[in-house]
Amino acid sequence: MAKLNVKIGDLQLKNPVMTASGTFGYGLEFADFMPLDGIGGIIVKGTTLAPREGNDYPRMAETAQGMLNCVGLQNKGVDYFCSHIYPQIKDIDTNMIVNVSGSSPEDYAECAARVDALEHIPAIELNISCPNVKDGGMAFGVTCAGAASVVKAVRQRYQKTLIVKLSPNVTDIAEIARAVEAEGADAVSLINTLMGMAIDIEKRKPLLSIRTGGLSGPAVKPVALRMVWQVAKAVGIPVIGLGGISSAKDAIEFLMAGATAIEIGTANFLDPAISIKVRDGIDAWLDAHGCQSVEEIIGVID
């Protein structure tokens, strides 16, 4: 068997397969379908400083080769996570990573600081695709200044591995990646969802309550793959690739494009054991091609 372990900042991953925030709950929901300790990491659903109700229904819609969602970061807040969820997940033998969101750099930093105190949470993933309430609702992640402001604030109060999740809804994602690297990000993950829309032509109205939402699934994979390749060449920190991965072949493409690890998202809804299957498929491919380690194929595409 080939060696599957990889490193992201100070994180040691037993294999490069993780699950994407918002698609895997807190991990516990999938325990009946797969061994949670069989993958490299689980990124739990988005967590904010204060509780959030999320958007009105309907907030999910199926599309060709994917889905749209506008869930709106529904969660009970970081204090609830620390007191009720953390005790249930802290002993799972893999990297349990919290996805942190906010509406100001100060919100992000305070939320991150509270997670920092949790011994068995070794990393956070910053969702910088959130609207900046102080700047007219523009997402932090669409400008270098906005992205850098969040990372700088969080880095001052968070000591562990810091992963920044990048928005694809930008002109040049590489410059955003360089900006967050400069402020102390240990790794970047990409891509977050692409903005999209769907319309019910009989009702003559959008399918989602707030009209637009994030597109994920196989439809976004070519865009995600291109962006991972670009960013991997632009920064010196590890890149985590996600966007439409639903097979070992997909995952291997991302690794070859420069990703050190990958996240599986929408595919979890179709097959709750897909991450284990992808892990085993990567292993089988490496063996079939005479590779001693997964690191032999990371970033082989010029």
C-alpha atoms as a PDB file:
ATOM      1  CA  MET A   1       0.000   0.000   0.000  1.00  0.00           C
ATOM      2  CA  ALA A   2       1.177   3.505  -0.813  1.00  0.00           C
ATOM      3  CA  LYS A   3       1.645   6.092   1.933  1.00  0.00           C
ATOM      4  CA  LEU A   4      -1.418   8.332   2.006  1.00  0.00           C
ATOM      5  CA  ASN A   5      -0.449  10.718   4.815  1.00  0.00           C
ATOM      6  CA  VAL A   6      -0.043  14.416   4.032  1.00  0.00           C
ATOM      7  CA  LYS A   7       0.601  17.577   6.062  1.00  0.00           C
ATOM      8  CA  ILE A   8      -1.376  20.840   6.130  1.00  0.00           C
ATOM      9  CA  GLY A   9       0.367  23.373   8.353  1.00  0.00           C
ATOM     10  CA  ASP A  10       0.812  21.541  11.644  1.00  0.00           C
ATOM     11  CA  LEU A  11      -1.968  19.106  10.768  1.00  0.00           C
ATOM     12  CA  GLN A  12      -1.000  15.526  10.118  1.00  0.00           C
ATOM     13  CA  LEU A  13      -3.616  13.887   7.881  1.00  0.00           C
ATOM     14  CA  LYS A  14      -3.702  10.092   7.672  1.00  0.00           C
ATOM     15  CA  ASN A  15      -4.905  10.510   4.084  1.00  0.00           C
ATOM     16  CA  PRO A  16      -5.771  13.481   1.855  1.00  0.00           C
ATOM     17  CA  VAL A  17      -9.552  13.017   1.998  1.00  0.00           C
ATOM     18  CA  MET A  18     -11.701  15.396   4.048  1.00  0.00           C
ATOM     19  CA  THR A  19     -15.362  16.389   4.036  1.00  0.00           C
ATOM     20  CA  ALA A  20     -16.552  19.892   3.178  1.00  0.00           C
ATOM     21  CA  SER A  21     -18.338  22.148   5.618  1.00  0.00           C
ATOM     22  CA  GLY A  22     -22.107  22.199   5.382  1.00  0.00           C
ATOM     23  CA  THR A  23     -22.352  18.794   3.720  1.00  0.00           C
ATOM     24  CA  PHE A  24     -21.372  16.498   6.574  1.00  0.00           C
ATOM     25  CA  GLY A  25     -23.053  18.038   9.614  1.00  0.00           C
ATOM     26  CA  TYR A  26     -20.867  17.512  12.664  1.00  0.00           C
ATOM     27  CA  GLY A  27     -19.748  14.100  11.417  1.00  0.00           C
ATOM     28  CA  LEU A  28     -21.913  12.247  13.915  1.00  0.00           C
ATOM     29  CA  GLU A  29     -24.773  12.103  11.418  1.00  0.00           C
ATOM     30  CA  PHE A  30     -22.633   9.893   9.157  1.00  0.00           C
ATOM     31  CA  ALA A  31     -21.314   7.490  11.800  1.00  0.00           C
ATOM     32  CA  ASP A  32     -23.766   4.748  10.765  1.00  0.00           C
ATOM     33  CA  PHE A  33     -22.500   4.826   7.174  1.00  0.00           C
ATOM     34  CA  MET A  34     -18.714   4.943   7.492  1.00  0.00           C
ATOM     35  CA  PRO A  35     -15.892   4.942  10.054  1.00  0.00           C
ATOM     36  CA  LEU A  36     -15.362   8.606  10.857  1.00  0.00           C
ATOM     37  CA  ASP A  37     -11.728   7.947  11.738  1.00  0.00           C
ATOM     38  CA  GLY A  38     -11.066   6.553   8.282  1.00  0.00           C
ATOM     39  CA  ILE A  39     -10.516   9.892   6.569  1.00  0.00           C
ATOM     40  CA  GLY A  40      -8.020  12.716   7.024  1.00  0.00           C
ATOM     41  CA  GLY A  41     -10.399  15.280   8.468  1.00  0.00           C
ATOM     42  CA  ILE A  42     -13.970  16.426   8.951  1.00  0.00           C
ATOM     43  CA  ILE A  43     -14.841  20.105   8.540  1.00  0.00           C
ATOM     44  CA  VAL A  44     -17.996  20.736  10.524  1.00  0.00           C
ATOM     45  CA  LYS A  45     -20.804  23.060   9.494  1.00  0.00           C
ATOM     46  CA  GLY A  46     -20.351  26.807   9.540  1.00  0.00           C
ATOM     47  CA  THR A  47     -20.179  28.318  13.025  1.00  0.00           C
ATOM     48  CA  THR A  48     -20.765  31.968  13.885  1.00  0.00           C
ATOM     49  CA  LEU A  49     -20.324  34.050  17.026  1.00  0.00           C
ATOM     50  CA  ALA A  50     -24.075  34.448  17.571  1.00  0.00           C
ATOM     51  CA  PRO A  51     -26.853  31.992  16.613  1.00  0.00           C
ATOM     52  CA  ARG A  52     -28.267  32.340  13.106  1.00  0.00           C
ATOM     53  CA  GLU A  53     -31.658  31.226  11.811  1.00  0.00           C
ATOM     54  CA  GLY A  54     -30.542  31.087   8.202  1.00  0.00           C
ATOM     55  CA  ASN A  55     -32.658  32.066   5.215  1.00  0.00           C
ATOM     56  CA  ASP A  56     -36.322  31.303   4.619  1.00  0.00           C
ATOM     57  CA  TYR A  57     -37.354  28.146   2.775  1.00  0.00           C
ATOM     58  CA  PRO A  58     -37.036  27.031   0.042  1.00  0.00           C
ATOM     59  CA  ARG A  59     -33.256  27.223   0.262  1.00  0.00           C
ATOM     60  CA  MET A  60     -32.081  24.259  -1.794  1.00  0.00           C
ATOM     61  CA  ALA A  61     -32.748  23.450  -5.436  1.00  0.00           C
ATOM     62  CA  GLU A  62     -31.508  20.700  -7.726  1.00  0.00           C
ATOM     63  CA  THR A  63     -29.830  21.754 -10.971  1.00  0.00           C
ATOM     64  CA  ALA A  64     -28.242  19.919 -13.878  1.00  0.00           C
ATOM     65  CA  GLN A  65     -25.116  18.231 -12.475  1.00  0.00           C
ATOM     66  CA  GLY A  66     -25.359  20.027  -9.170  1.00  0.00           C
ATOM     67  CA  MET A  67     -27.411  21.924  -6.629  1.00  0.00           C
ATOM     68  CA  LEU A  68     -28.049  25.444  -5.417  1.00  0.00           C
ATOM     69  CA  ASN A  69     -28.269  26.372  -1.756  1.00  0.00           C
ATOM     70  CA  CYS A  70     -28.909  29.511   0.268  1.00  0.00           C
ATOM     71  CA  VAL A  71     -29.086  27.936   3.719  1.00  0.00           C
ATOM     72  CA  GLY A  72     -27.524  31.045   5.199  1.00  0.00           C
ATOM     73  CA  LEU A  73     -25.206  29.582   7.826  1.00  0.00           C
ATOM     74  CA  GLN A  74     -27.970  28.354  10.130  1.00  0.00           C
ATOM     75  CA  ASN A  75     -26.347  27.336  13.435  1.00  0.00           C
ATOM     76  CA  LYS A  76     -26.754  27.799  17.189  1.00  0.00           C
ATOM     77  CA  GLY A  77     -23.578  29.821  17.647  1.00  0.00           C
ATOM     78  CA  VAL A  78     -20.080  29.096  18.870  1.00  0.00           C
ATOM     79  CA  ASP A  79     -20.956  28.890  22.568  1.00  0.00           C
ATOM     80  CA  TYR A  80     -23.516  26.167  21.870  1.00  0.00           C
ATOM     81  CA  PHE A  81     -20.937  24.369  19.761  1.00  0.00           C
ATOM     82  CA  CYS A  82     -18.381  24.501  22.576  1.00  0.00           C
ATOM     83  CA  SER A  83     -20.783  23.290  25.260  1.00  0.00           C
ATOM     84  CA  HIS A  84     -22.952  20.770  23.386  1.00  0.00           C
ATOM     85  CA  ILE A  85     -21.290  19.624  20.155  1.00  0.00           C
ATOM     86  CA  TYR A  86     -17.614  19.609  21.062  1.00  0.00           C
ATOM     87  CA  PRO A  87     -17.996  17.031  23.874  1.00  0.00           C
ATOM     88  CA  GLN A  88     -19.597  14.652  21.371  1.00  0.00           C
ATOM     89  CA  ILE A  89     -16.930  14.966  18.672  1.00  0.00           C
ATOM     90  CA  LYS A  90     -13.694  15.657  20.540  1.00  0.00           C
ATOM     91  CA  ASP A  91     -12.662  12.001  20.718  1.00  0.00           C
ATOM     92  CA  ILE A  92     -13.202  11.147  17.043  1.00  0.00           C
ATOM     93  CA  ASP A  93      -9.798   9.970  15.830  1.00  0.00           C
ATOM     94  CA  THR A  94      -9.336  12.366  12.943  1.00  0.00           C
ATOM     95  CA  ASN A  95      -8.822  16.114  12.471  1.00  0.00           C
ATOM     96  CA  MET A  96     -12.045  17.815  13.533  1.00  0.00           C
ATOM     97  CA  ILE A  97     -11.960  21.274  11.977  1.00  0.00           C
ATOM     98  CA  VAL A  98     -14.445  24.093  12.570  1.00  0.00           C
ATOM     99  CA  ASN A  99     -15.617  26.314   9.724  1.00  0.00           C
ATOM    100  CA  VAL A 100     -15.801  29.875  11.101  1.00  0.00           C
ATOM    101  CA  SER A 101     -17.922  32.662   9.617  1.00  0.00           C
ATOM    102  CA  GLY A 102     -18.731  36.228  10.580  1.00  0.00           C
ATOM    103  CA  SER A 103     -19.992  39.641   9.516  1.00  0.00           C
ATOM    104  CA  SER A 104     -16.952  41.641  10.632  1.00  0.00           C
ATOM    105  CA  PRO A 105     -13.263  40.908  11.272  1.00  0.00           C
ATOM    106  CA  GLU A 106     -13.969  41.276  14.984  1.00  0.00           C
ATOM    107  CA  ASP A 107     -16.735  38.649  14.832  1.00  0.00           C
ATOM    108  CA  TYR A 108     -14.447  36.219  13.050  1.00  0.00           C
ATOM    109  CA  ALA A 109     -11.639  36.801  15.531  1.00  0.00           C
ATOM    110  CA  GLU A 110     -13.809  36.366  18.625  1.00  0.00           C
ATOM    111  CA  CYS A 111     -15.394  33.193  17.251  1.00  0.00           C
ATOM    112  CA  ALA A 112     -11.963  31.814  16.340  1.00  0.00           C
ATOM    113  CA  ALA A 113     -10.590  32.641  19.791  1.00  0.00           C
ATOM    114  CA  ARG A 114     -13.321  30.625  21.479  1.00  0.00           C
ATOM    115  CA  VAL A 115     -12.616  27.655  19.225  1.00  0.00           C
ATOM    116  CA  ASP A 116      -8.887  28.065  19.893  1.00  0.00           C
ATOM    117  CA  ALA A 117      -9.521  27.121  23.522  1.00  0.00           C
ATOM    118  CA  LEU A 118     -10.830  23.672  22.517  1.00  0.00           C
ATOM    119  CA  GLU A 119      -7.963  21.203  22.898  1.00  0.00           C
ATOM    120  CA  HIS A 120      -9.135  18.673  20.324  1.00  0.00           C
ATOM    121  CA  ILE A 121      -9.938  21.114  17.516  1.00  0.00           C
ATOM    122  CA  PRO A 122      -6.550  21.498  15.760  1.00  0.00           C
ATOM    123  CA  ALA A 123      -7.597  23.896  12.991  1.00  0.00           C
ATOM    124  CA  ILE A 124     -10.255  26.227  11.673  1.00  0.00           C
ATOM    125  CA  GLU A 125     -11.371  27.001   8.141  1.00  0.00           C
ATOM    126  CA  LEU A 126     -12.350  30.630   7.594  1.00  0.00           C
ATOM    127  CA  ASN A 127     -15.312  31.186   5.299  1.00  0.00           C
ATOM    128  CA  ILE A 128     -14.538  34.608   3.842  1.00  0.00           C
ATOM    129  CA  SER A 129     -17.432  34.450   1.379  1.00  0.00           C
ATOM    130  CA  CYS A 130     -19.654  36.077   4.028  1.00  0.00           C
ATOM    131  CA  PRO A 131     -21.146  39.557   3.476  1.00  0.00           C
ATOM    132  CA  ASN A 132     -19.332  42.411   5.211  1.00  0.00           C
ATOM    133  CA  VAL A 133     -22.095  44.293   7.001  1.00  0.00           C
ATOM    134  CA  LYS A 134     -19.897  47.380   7.304  1.00  0.00           C
ATOM    135  CA  ASP A 135     -19.214  47.533   3.567  1.00  0.00           C
ATOM    136  CA  GLY A 136     -22.626  47.318   1.952  1.00  0.00           C
ATOM    137  CA  GLY A 137     -22.858  43.522   2.004  1.00  0.00           C
ATOM    138  CA  MET A 138     -19.878  42.836  -0.252  1.00  0.00           C
ATOM    139  CA  ALA A 139     -18.250  39.524   0.600  1.00  0.00           C
ATOM    140  CA  PHE A 140     -14.885  39.770   2.342  1.00  0.00           C
ATOM    141  CA  GLY A 141     -13.386  37.230  -0.028  1.00  0.00           C
ATOM    142  CA  VAL A 142     -13.866  39.177  -3.249  1.00  0.00           C
ATOM    143  CA  THR A 143     -11.190  41.806  -2.520  1.00  0.00           C
ATOM    144  CA  CYS A 144      -7.619  41.447  -1.333  1.00  0.00           C
ATOM    145  CA  ALA A 145      -8.170  44.076   1.350  1.00  0.00           C
ATOM    146  CA  GLY A 146     -11.322  42.418   2.652  1.00  0.00           C
ATOM    147  CA  ALA A 147      -9.798  38.948   2.744  1.00  0.00           C
ATOM    148  CA  ALA A 148      -6.603  40.211   4.361  1.00  0.00           C
ATOM    149  CA  SER A 149      -8.512  42.128   7.055  1.00  0.00           C
ATOM    150  CA  VAL A 150     -10.252  38.971   8.278  1.00  0.00           C
ATOM    151  CA  VAL A 151      -7.123  36.826   8.267  1.00  0.00           C
ATOM    152  CA  LYS A 152      -5.095  39.507  10.047  1.00  0.00           C
ATOM    153  CA  ALA A 153      -7.713  39.854  12.794  1.00  0.00           C
ATOM    154  CA  VAL A 154      -8.043  36.114  13.277  1.00  0.00           C
ATOM    155  CA  ARG A 155      -4.307  35.436  13.179  1.00  0.00           C
ATOM    156  CA  GLN A 156      -3.814  37.785  16.136  1.00  0.00           C
ATOM    157  CA  ARG A 157      -6.130  35.663  18.293  1.00  0.00           C
ATOM    158  CA  TYR A 158      -5.875  32.155  16.857  1.00  0.00           C
ATOM    159  CA  GLN A 159      -2.736  30.086  17.361  1.00  0.00           C
ATOM    160  CA  LYS A 160      -3.439  26.795  15.578  1.00  0.00           C
ATOM    161  CA  THR A 161      -3.595  25.837  11.893  1.00  0.00           C
ATOM    162  CA  LEU A 162      -5.530  28.459   9.937  1.00  0.00           C
ATOM    163  CA  ILE A 163      -7.119  27.459   6.621  1.00  0.00           C
ATOM    164  CA  VAL A 164      -8.821  30.152   4.528  1.00  0.00           C
ATOM    165  CA  LYS A 165     -11.630  29.114   2.184  1.00  0.00           C
ATOM    166  CA  LEU A 166     -11.564  31.187  -0.985  1.00  0.00           C
ATOM    167  CA  SER A 167     -14.488  32.434  -3.038  1.00  0.00           C
ATOM    168  CA  PRO A 168     -14.462  31.679  -6.791  1.00  0.00           C
ATOM    169  CA  ASN A 169     -16.622  34.733  -7.484  1.00  0.00           C
ATOM    170  CA  VAL A 170     -13.593  36.908  -8.235  1.00  0.00           C
ATOM    171  CA  THR A 171     -11.556  38.047 -11.210  1.00  0.00           C
ATOM    172  CA  ASP A 172      -8.183  36.782  -9.947  1.00  0.00           C
ATOM    173  CA  ILE A 173      -8.322  34.164  -7.191  1.00  0.00           C
ATOM    174  CA  ALA A 174      -4.514  33.885  -7.096  1.00  0.00           C
ATOM    175  CA  GLU A 175      -4.126  37.458  -5.853  1.00  0.00           C
ATOM    176  CA  ILE A 176      -6.641  36.797  -3.064  1.00  0.00           C
ATOM    177  CA  ALA A 177      -4.664  33.681  -2.109  1.00  0.00           C
ATOM    178  CA  ARG A 178      -1.434  35.662  -1.956  1.00  0.00           C
ATOM    179  CA  ALA A 179      -3.116  38.305   0.199  1.00  0.00           C
ATOM    180  CA  VAL A 180      -4.260  35.809   2.839  1.00  0.00           C
ATOM    181  CA  GLU A 181      -0.912  34.027   2.756  1.00  0.00           C
ATOM    182  CA  ALA A 182       0.792  37.331   3.522  1.00  0.00           C
ATOM    183  CA  GLU A 183      -1.385  37.795   6.611  1.00  0.00           C
ATOM    184  CA  GLY A 184      -0.532  34.398   8.062  1.00  0.00           C
ATOM    185  CA  ALA A 185      -2.831  31.795   6.548  1.00  0.00           C
ATOM    186  CA  ASP A 186      -1.328  28.298   6.887  1.00  0.00           C
ATOM    187  CA  ALA A 187      -3.324  26.928   3.947  1.00  0.00           C
ATOM    188  CA  VAL A 188      -6.119  27.830   1.550  1.00  0.00           C
ATOM    189  CA  SER A 189      -9.100  25.751   0.494  1.00  0.00           C
ATOM    190  CA  LEU A 190     -10.992  26.318  -2.734  1.00  0.00           C
ATOM    191  CA  ILE A 191     -13.427  26.668  -4.197  1.00  0.00           C
ATOM    192  CA  ASN A 192     -16.459  27.796  -2.272  1.00  0.00           C
ATOM    193  CA  THR A 193     -19.714  27.781  -4.242  1.00  0.00           C
ATOM    194  CA  LEU A 194     -20.304  29.738  -7.442  1.00  0.00           C
ATOM    195  CA  MET A 195     -23.227  32.158  -7.402  1.00  0.00           C
ATOM    196  CA  GLY A 196     -26.155  30.878  -9.427  1.00  0.00           C
ATOM    197  CA  MET A 197     -29.902  30.998  -9.944  1.00  0.00           C
ATOM    198  CA  ALA A 198     -32.802  28.785 -11.013  1.00  0.00           C
ATOM    199  CA  ILE A 199     -36.335  29.778 -12.021  1.00  0.00           C
ATOM    200  CA  ASP A 200     -39.688  27.942 -11.896  1.00  0.00           C
ATOM    201  CA  ILE A 201     -41.204  28.918 -15.225  1.00  0.00           C
ATOM    202  CA  GLU A 202     -44.737  27.849 -14.215  1.00  0.00           C
ATOM    203  CA  LYS A 203     -44.764  29.947 -11.042  1.00  0.00           C
ATOM    204  CA  ARG A 204     -42.623  32.606 -12.735  1.00  0.00           C
ATOM    205  CA  LYS A 205     -40.430  32.973  -9.688  1.00  0.00           C
ATOM    206  CA  PRO A 206     -36.982  31.884  -8.521  1.00  0.00           C
ATOM    207  CA  LEU A 207     -36.685  28.467  -6.891  1.00  0.00           C
ATOM    208  CA  LEU A 208     -34.758  29.890  -3.924  1.00  0.00           C
ATOM    209  CA  SER A 209     -36.257  32.215  -1.311  1.00  0.00           C
ATOM    210  CA  ILE A 210     -33.556  34.858  -1.740  1.00  0.00           C
ATOM    211  CA  ARG A 211     -33.399  34.332  -5.529  1.00  0.00           C
ATOM    212  CA  THR A 212     -29.721  33.398  -5.800  1.00  0.00           C
ATOM    213  CA  GLY A 213     -27.590  30.771  -4.110  1.00  0.00           C
ATOM    214  CA  GLY A 214     -24.340  28.849  -4.204  1.00  0.00           C
ATOM    215  CA  LEU A 215     -23.850  26.293  -6.969  1.00  0.00           C
ATOM    216  CA  SER A 216     -21.996  23.097  -6.072  1.00  0.00           C
ATOM    217  CA  GLY A 217     -21.599  19.596  -7.466  1.00  0.00           C
ATOM    218  CA  PRO A 218     -20.045  18.130 -10.626  1.00  0.00           C
ATOM    219  CA  ALA A 219     -20.964  21.183 -12.704  1.00  0.00           C
ATOM    220  CA  VAL A 220     -18.358  23.326 -10.928  1.00  0.00           C
ATOM    221  CA  LYS A 221     -15.475  20.853 -11.082  1.00  0.00           C
ATOM    222  CA  PRO A 222     -13.660  22.206 -14.186  1.00  0.00           C
ATOM    223  CA  VAL A 223     -13.741  25.724 -12.736  1.00  0.00           C
ATOM    224  CA  ALA A 224     -12.541  24.492  -9.338  1.00  0.00           C
ATOM    225  CA  LEU A 225      -9.758  22.438 -10.884  1.00  0.00           C
ATOM    226  CA  ARG A 226      -8.501  25.413 -12.889  1.00  0.00           C
ATOM    227  CA  MET A 227      -8.502  27.659  -9.840  1.00  0.00           C
ATOM    228  CA  VAL A 228      -6.685  25.109  -7.660  1.00  0.00           C
ATOM    229  CA  TRP A 229      -4.010  24.787 -10.343  1.00  0.00           C
ATOM    230  CA  GLN A 230      -3.627  28.587 -10.521  1.00  0.00           C
ATOM    231  CA  VAL A 231      -3.453  29.084  -6.769  1.00  0.00           C
ATOM    232  CA  ALA A 232      -1.060  26.195  -6.168  1.00  0.00           C
ATOM    233  CA  LYS A 233       1.412  27.937  -8.476  1.00  0.00           C
ATOM    234  CA  ALA A 234       0.891  31.330  -6.834  1.00  0.00           C
ATOM    235  CA  VAL A 235       1.423  30.529  -3.132  1.00  0.00           C
ATOM    236  CA  GLY A 236       3.901  28.643  -0.995  1.00  0.00           C
ATOM    237  CA  ILE A 237       1.322  27.281   1.474  1.00  0.00           C
ATOM    238  CA  PRO A 238      -0.664  24.067   0.971  1.00  0.00           C
ATOM    239  CA  VAL A 239      -3.834  24.120  -1.116  1.00  0.00           C
ATOM    240  CA  ILE A 240      -6.916  22.043  -0.339  1.00  0.00           C
ATOM    241  CA  GLY A 241      -9.072  21.387  -3.396  1.00  0.00           C
ATOM    242  CA  LEU A 242     -12.827  21.010  -3.540  1.00  0.00           C
ATOM    243  CA  GLY A 243     -15.630  21.468  -5.998  1.00  0.00           C
ATOM    244  CA  GLY A 244     -17.545  18.636  -7.646  1.00  0.00           C
ATOM    245  CA  ILE A 245     -15.375  15.771  -6.387  1.00  0.00           C
ATOM    246  CA  SER A 246     -17.389  12.554  -6.485  1.00  0.00           C
ATOM    247  CA  SER A 247     -14.827   9.853  -7.312  1.00  0.00           C
ATOM    248  CA  ALA A 248     -11.205   8.894  -6.780  1.00  0.00           C
ATOM    249  CA  LYS A 249     -10.497  10.026 -10.347  1.00  0.00           C
ATOM    250  CA  ASP A 250     -11.794  13.500  -9.526  1.00  0.00           C
ATOM    251  CA  ALA A 251      -9.689  13.634  -6.360  1.00  0.00           C
ATOM    252  CA  ILE A 252      -6.546  12.543  -8.184  1.00  0.00           C
ATOM    253  CA  GLU A 253      -7.062  15.300 -10.753  1.00  0.00           C
ATOM    254  CA  PHE A 254      -7.073  17.870  -7.956  1.00  0.00           C
ATOM    255  CA  LEU A 255      -3.965  16.363  -6.384  1.00  0.00           C
ATOM    256  CA  MET A 256      -2.166  16.453  -9.727  1.00  0.00           C
ATOM    257  CA  ALA A 257      -3.248  20.087 -10.165  1.00  0.00           C
ATOM    258  CA  GLY A 258      -1.456  20.966  -6.926  1.00  0.00           C
ATOM    259  CA  ALA A 259      -3.820  20.208  -4.052  1.00  0.00           C
ATOM    260  CA  THR A 260      -2.218  18.588  -1.010  1.00  0.00           C
ATOM    261  CA  ALA A 261      -5.616  17.392   0.199  1.00  0.00           C
ATOM    262  CA  ILE A 262      -9.215  17.459  -1.017  1.00  0.00           C
ATOM    263  CA  GLU A 263     -12.687  17.945   0.412  1.00  0.00           C
ATOM    264  CA  ILE A 264     -15.835  16.129  -0.675  1.00  0.00           C
ATOM    265  CA  GLY A 265     -19.070  18.096  -0.474  1.00  0.00           C
ATOM    266  CA  THR A 266     -22.262  17.631  -2.473  1.00  0.00           C
ATOM    267  CA  ALA A 267     -21.442  13.975  -3.232  1.00  0.00           C
ATOM    268  CA  ASN A 268     -22.045  13.208   0.471  1.00  0.00           C
ATOM    269  CA  PHE A 269     -25.759  13.770  -0.126  1.00  0.00           C
ATOM    270  CA  LEU A 270     -25.829  11.083  -2.825  1.00  0.00           C
ATOM    271  CA  ASP A 271     -23.577   8.547  -1.095  1.00  0.00           C
ATOM    272  CA  PRO A 272     -22.847   9.025   2.618  1.00  0.00           C
ATOM    273  CA  ALA A 273     -19.851   6.657   2.370  1.00  0.00           C
ATOM    274  CA  ILE A 274     -18.280   8.370  -0.658  1.00  0.00           C
ATOM    275  CA  SER A 275     -15.265   9.735   1.232  1.00  0.00           C
ATOM    276  CA  ILE A 276     -14.126   6.248   2.237  1.00  0.00           C
ATOM    277  CA  LYS A 277     -14.606   5.033  -1.328  1.00  0.00           C
ATOM    278  CA  VAL A 278     -12.534   7.936  -2.650  1.00  0.00           C
ATOM    279  CA  ARG A 279      -9.796   7.186  -0.113  1.00  0.00           C
ATOM    280  CA  ASP A 280      -9.676   3.538  -1.197  1.00  0.00           C
ATOM    281  CA  GLY A 281      -9.790   4.504  -4.856  1.00  0.00           C
ATOM    282  CA  ILE A 282      -6.786   6.809  -4.480  1.00  0.00           C
ATOM    283  CA  ASP A 283      -4.904   4.024  -2.729  1.00  0.00           C
ATOM    284  CA  ALA A 284      -5.763   1.510  -5.467  1.00  0.00           C
ATOM    285  CA  TRP A 285      -4.694   3.926  -8.231  1.00  0.00           C
ATOM    286  CA  LEU A 286      -1.365   4.633  -6.547  1.00  0.00           C
ATOM    287  CA  ASP A 287      -0.684   0.897  -6.167  1.00  0.00           C
ATOM    288  CA  ALA A 288      -1.645   0.214  -9.779  1.00  0.00           C
ATOM    289  CA  HIS A 289       0.742   2.915 -10.978  1.00  0.00           C
ATOM    290  CA  GLY A 290       3.676   1.915  -8.788  1.00  0.00           C
ATOM    291  CA  CYS A 291       3.578   4.968  -6.543  1.00  0.00           C
ATOM    292  CA  GLN A 292       5.027   4.618  -3.055  1.00  0.00           C
ATOM    293  CA  SER A 293       3.359   7.788  -1.716  1.00  0.00           C
ATOM    294  CA  VAL A 294       0.518  10.104  -2.646  1.00  0.00           C
ATOM    295  CA  GLU A 295       3.052  12.946  -2.546  1.00  0.00           C
ATOM    296  CA  GLU A 296       4.514  11.639  -5.810  1.00  0.00           C
ATOM    297  CA  ILE A 297       1.505  12.940  -7.739  1.00  0.00           C
ATOM    298  CA  ILE A 298       0.828  16.227  -5.920  1.00  0.00           C
ATOM    299  CA  GLY A 299       1.379  19.148  -8.287  1.00  0.00           C
ATOM    300  CA  VAL A 300       2.723  17.130 -11.230  1.00  0.00           C
ATOM    301  CA  ILE A 301       0.838  19.306 -13.734  1.00  0.00           C
ATOM    302  CA  ASP A 302       2.987  22.190 -14.987  1.00  0.00           C
END
